[in-house]
Amino acid sequence: MRVQERDTPEGLLVAVCDEECLGETYEDGEVSLTVTEEFYGGSEADADDVVDSLTRATVANLVGDRCVTVAIEAGLVDEERVLDLGGARHAQLLWL
């Protein structure tokens, strides 16, 4: 998995993806998501690193089966809210 963290005026933005998703584009009807190196291409991370980043995030975007499963198992993402975009799982996290 790869984790990218960015400090923004609104808080910490975290992007997480499975390694094999980098550079791929996933589509479902009118919805399209391209997993770019610029946005998602952060440091290599294990499950503990991903959970640590997500618990500190204000906003997070996740793409890929493994990272979304890690977030679900940690109780950070509701599985019923996960999207399937042409074979890739996608979730967003927003702490209010």
C-alpha atoms as a PDB file:
ATOM      1  CA  MET A   1       0.000   0.000   0.000  1.00  0.00           C
ATOM      2  CA  ARG A   2       1.032   3.606  -0.515  1.00  0.00           C
ATOM      3  CA  VAL A   3       0.145   6.525   1.768  1.00  0.00           C
ATOM      4  CA  GLN A   4       0.423  10.214   0.896  1.00  0.00           C
ATOM      5  CA  GLU A   5      -0.179  12.863   3.580  1.00  0.00           C
ATOM      6  CA  ARG A   6      -0.695  16.558   2.905  1.00  0.00           C
ATOM      7  CA  ASP A   7      -1.207  19.307   5.442  1.00  0.00           C
ATOM      8  CA  THR A   8      -3.887  21.721   4.218  1.00  0.00           C
ATOM      9  CA  PRO A   9      -5.498  24.767   5.821  1.00  0.00           C
ATOM     10  CA  GLU A  10      -8.534  22.535   6.502  1.00  0.00           C
ATOM     11  CA  GLY A  11      -6.527  19.713   8.099  1.00  0.00           C
ATOM     12  CA  LEU A  12      -4.651  16.570   7.097  1.00  0.00           C
ATOM     13  CA  LEU A  13      -5.523  15.089   3.690  1.00  0.00           C
ATOM     14  CA  VAL A  14      -4.565  11.416   3.345  1.00  0.00           C
ATOM     15  CA  ALA A  15      -4.555   9.415   0.107  1.00  0.00           C
ATOM     16  CA  VAL A  16      -4.105   5.635   0.300  1.00  0.00           C
ATOM     17  CA  CYS A  17      -3.974   3.098  -2.499  1.00  0.00           C
ATOM     18  CA  ASP A  18      -2.938  -0.446  -3.173  1.00  0.00           C
ATOM     19  CA  GLU A  19       0.355  -0.490  -5.085  1.00  0.00           C
ATOM     20  CA  GLU A  20      -1.165  -2.166  -8.161  1.00  0.00           C
ATOM     21  CA  CYS A  21      -3.769   0.608  -8.495  1.00  0.00           C
ATOM     22  CA  LEU A  22      -1.199   3.331  -9.240  1.00  0.00           C
ATOM     23  CA  GLY A  23      -1.568   4.596 -12.789  1.00  0.00           C
ATOM     24  CA  GLU A  24      -4.914   2.848 -13.333  1.00  0.00           C
ATOM     25  CA  THR A  25      -8.244   4.429 -14.244  1.00  0.00           C
ATOM     26  CA  TYR A  26     -11.462   2.912 -12.905  1.00  0.00           C
ATOM     27  CA  GLU A  27     -14.924   3.702 -14.253  1.00  0.00           C
ATOM     28  CA  ASP A  28     -18.521   2.986 -13.379  1.00  0.00           C
ATOM     29  CA  GLY A  29     -21.015   4.745 -15.611  1.00  0.00           C
ATOM     30  CA  GLU A  30     -20.342   8.457 -15.467  1.00  0.00           C
ATOM     31  CA  VAL A  31     -17.921   8.140 -12.546  1.00  0.00           C
ATOM     32  CA  SER A  32     -14.226   7.888 -13.377  1.00  0.00           C
ATOM     33  CA  LEU A  33     -11.236   7.757 -11.002  1.00  0.00           C
ATOM     34  CA  THR A  34      -7.593   7.886 -12.079  1.00  0.00           C
ATOM     35  CA  VAL A  35      -5.097   6.831  -9.414  1.00  0.00           C
ATOM     36  CA  THR A  36      -2.235   9.211 -10.165  1.00  0.00           C
ATOM     37  CA  GLU A  37       1.277   9.087  -8.770  1.00  0.00           C
ATOM     38  CA  GLU A  38       0.950  12.790  -7.897  1.00  0.00           C
ATOM     39  CA  PHE A  39      -2.010  12.280  -5.582  1.00  0.00           C
ATOM     40  CA  TYR A  40      -1.655   8.709  -4.308  1.00  0.00           C
ATOM     41  CA  GLY A  41       2.045   7.967  -4.786  1.00  0.00           C
ATOM     42  CA  GLY A  42       3.320   8.354  -1.255  1.00  0.00           C
ATOM     43  CA  SER A  43       5.427   6.147   0.946  1.00  0.00           C
ATOM     44  CA  GLU A  44       5.095   2.378   1.181  1.00  0.00           C
ATOM     45  CA  ALA A  45       2.973   1.461   4.185  1.00  0.00           C
ATOM     46  CA  ASP A  46       1.740  -1.551   6.093  1.00  0.00           C
ATOM     47  CA  ALA A  47      -1.684  -1.894   7.709  1.00  0.00           C
ATOM     48  CA  ASP A  48      -0.568  -0.206  10.945  1.00  0.00           C
ATOM     49  CA  ASP A  49       0.809   2.788   9.020  1.00  0.00           C
ATOM     50  CA  VAL A  50      -2.445   3.114   7.076  1.00  0.00           C
ATOM     51  CA  VAL A  51      -4.575   3.032  10.227  1.00  0.00           C
ATOM     52  CA  ASP A  52      -2.282   5.586  11.913  1.00  0.00           C
ATOM     53  CA  SER A  53      -2.609   7.993   8.975  1.00  0.00           C
ATOM     54  CA  LEU A  54      -6.363   7.541   8.696  1.00  0.00           C
ATOM     55  CA  THR A  55      -6.956   8.170  12.400  1.00  0.00           C
ATOM     56  CA  ARG A  56      -5.088  11.484  12.089  1.00  0.00           C
ATOM     57  CA  ALA A  57      -6.752  12.500   8.804  1.00  0.00           C
ATOM     58  CA  THR A  58      -9.405  15.138   8.416  1.00  0.00           C
ATOM     59  CA  VAL A  59     -10.197  13.820   4.936  1.00  0.00           C
ATOM     60  CA  ALA A  60      -9.026  10.619   3.246  1.00  0.00           C
ATOM     61  CA  ASN A  61      -9.391   8.895  -0.122  1.00  0.00           C
ATOM     62  CA  LEU A  62      -8.746   5.166  -0.469  1.00  0.00           C
ATOM     63  CA  VAL A  63      -8.513   3.016  -3.603  1.00  0.00           C
ATOM     64  CA  GLY A  64      -7.951  -0.718  -3.664  1.00  0.00           C
ATOM     65  CA  ASP A  65      -9.187  -3.868  -2.026  1.00  0.00           C
ATOM     66  CA  ARG A  66      -6.449  -4.175   0.583  1.00  0.00           C
ATOM     67  CA  CYS A  67      -6.409  -0.604   1.917  1.00  0.00           C
ATOM     68  CA  VAL A  68     -10.204  -0.357   2.006  1.00  0.00           C
ATOM     69  CA  THR A  69     -10.367  -3.671   3.882  1.00  0.00           C
ATOM     70  CA  VAL A  70      -7.798  -2.368   6.407  1.00  0.00           C
ATOM     71  CA  ALA A  71      -9.949   0.742   6.989  1.00  0.00           C
ATOM     72  CA  ILE A  72     -13.118  -1.352   7.391  1.00  0.00           C
ATOM     73  CA  GLU A  73     -11.472  -3.762   9.836  1.00  0.00           C
ATOM     74  CA  ALA A  74     -10.181  -0.803  11.877  1.00  0.00           C
ATOM     75  CA  GLY A  75     -13.728   0.540  12.138  1.00  0.00           C
ATOM     76  CA  LEU A  76     -12.911   3.682  10.156  1.00  0.00           C
ATOM     77  CA  VAL A  77     -15.013   2.989   7.052  1.00  0.00           C
ATOM     78  CA  ASP A  78     -18.524   1.546   6.806  1.00  0.00           C
ATOM     79  CA  GLU A  79     -18.458  -1.324   4.294  1.00  0.00           C
ATOM     80  CA  GLU A  80     -21.954  -0.423   3.091  1.00  0.00           C
ATOM     81  CA  ARG A  81     -20.618   2.967   1.910  1.00  0.00           C
ATOM     82  CA  VAL A  82     -17.743   1.560  -0.192  1.00  0.00           C
ATOM     83  CA  LEU A  83     -18.043   2.048  -3.950  1.00  0.00           C
ATOM     84  CA  ASP A  84     -17.045  -0.451  -6.612  1.00  0.00           C
ATOM     85  CA  LEU A  85     -15.569   1.462  -9.540  1.00  0.00           C
ATOM     86  CA  GLY A  86     -15.000  -1.009 -12.323  1.00  0.00           C
ATOM     87  CA  GLY A  87     -13.409  -3.615 -10.082  1.00  0.00           C
ATOM     88  CA  ALA A  88     -11.622  -1.328  -7.628  1.00  0.00           C
ATOM     89  CA  ARG A  89     -12.990  -0.530  -4.200  1.00  0.00           C
ATOM     90  CA  HIS A  90     -13.085   3.171  -3.321  1.00  0.00           C
ATOM     91  CA  ALA A  91     -13.888   4.858  -0.034  1.00  0.00           C
ATOM     92  CA  GLN A  92     -13.750   8.375   1.305  1.00  0.00           C
ATOM     93  CA  LEU A  93     -13.400   9.362   4.923  1.00  0.00           C
ATOM     94  CA  LEU A  94     -14.372  12.707   6.438  1.00  0.00           C
ATOM     95  CA  TRP A  95     -14.160  13.532  10.129  1.00  0.00           C
ATOM     96  CA  LEU A  96     -16.490  16.347  11.176  1.00  0.00           C
END
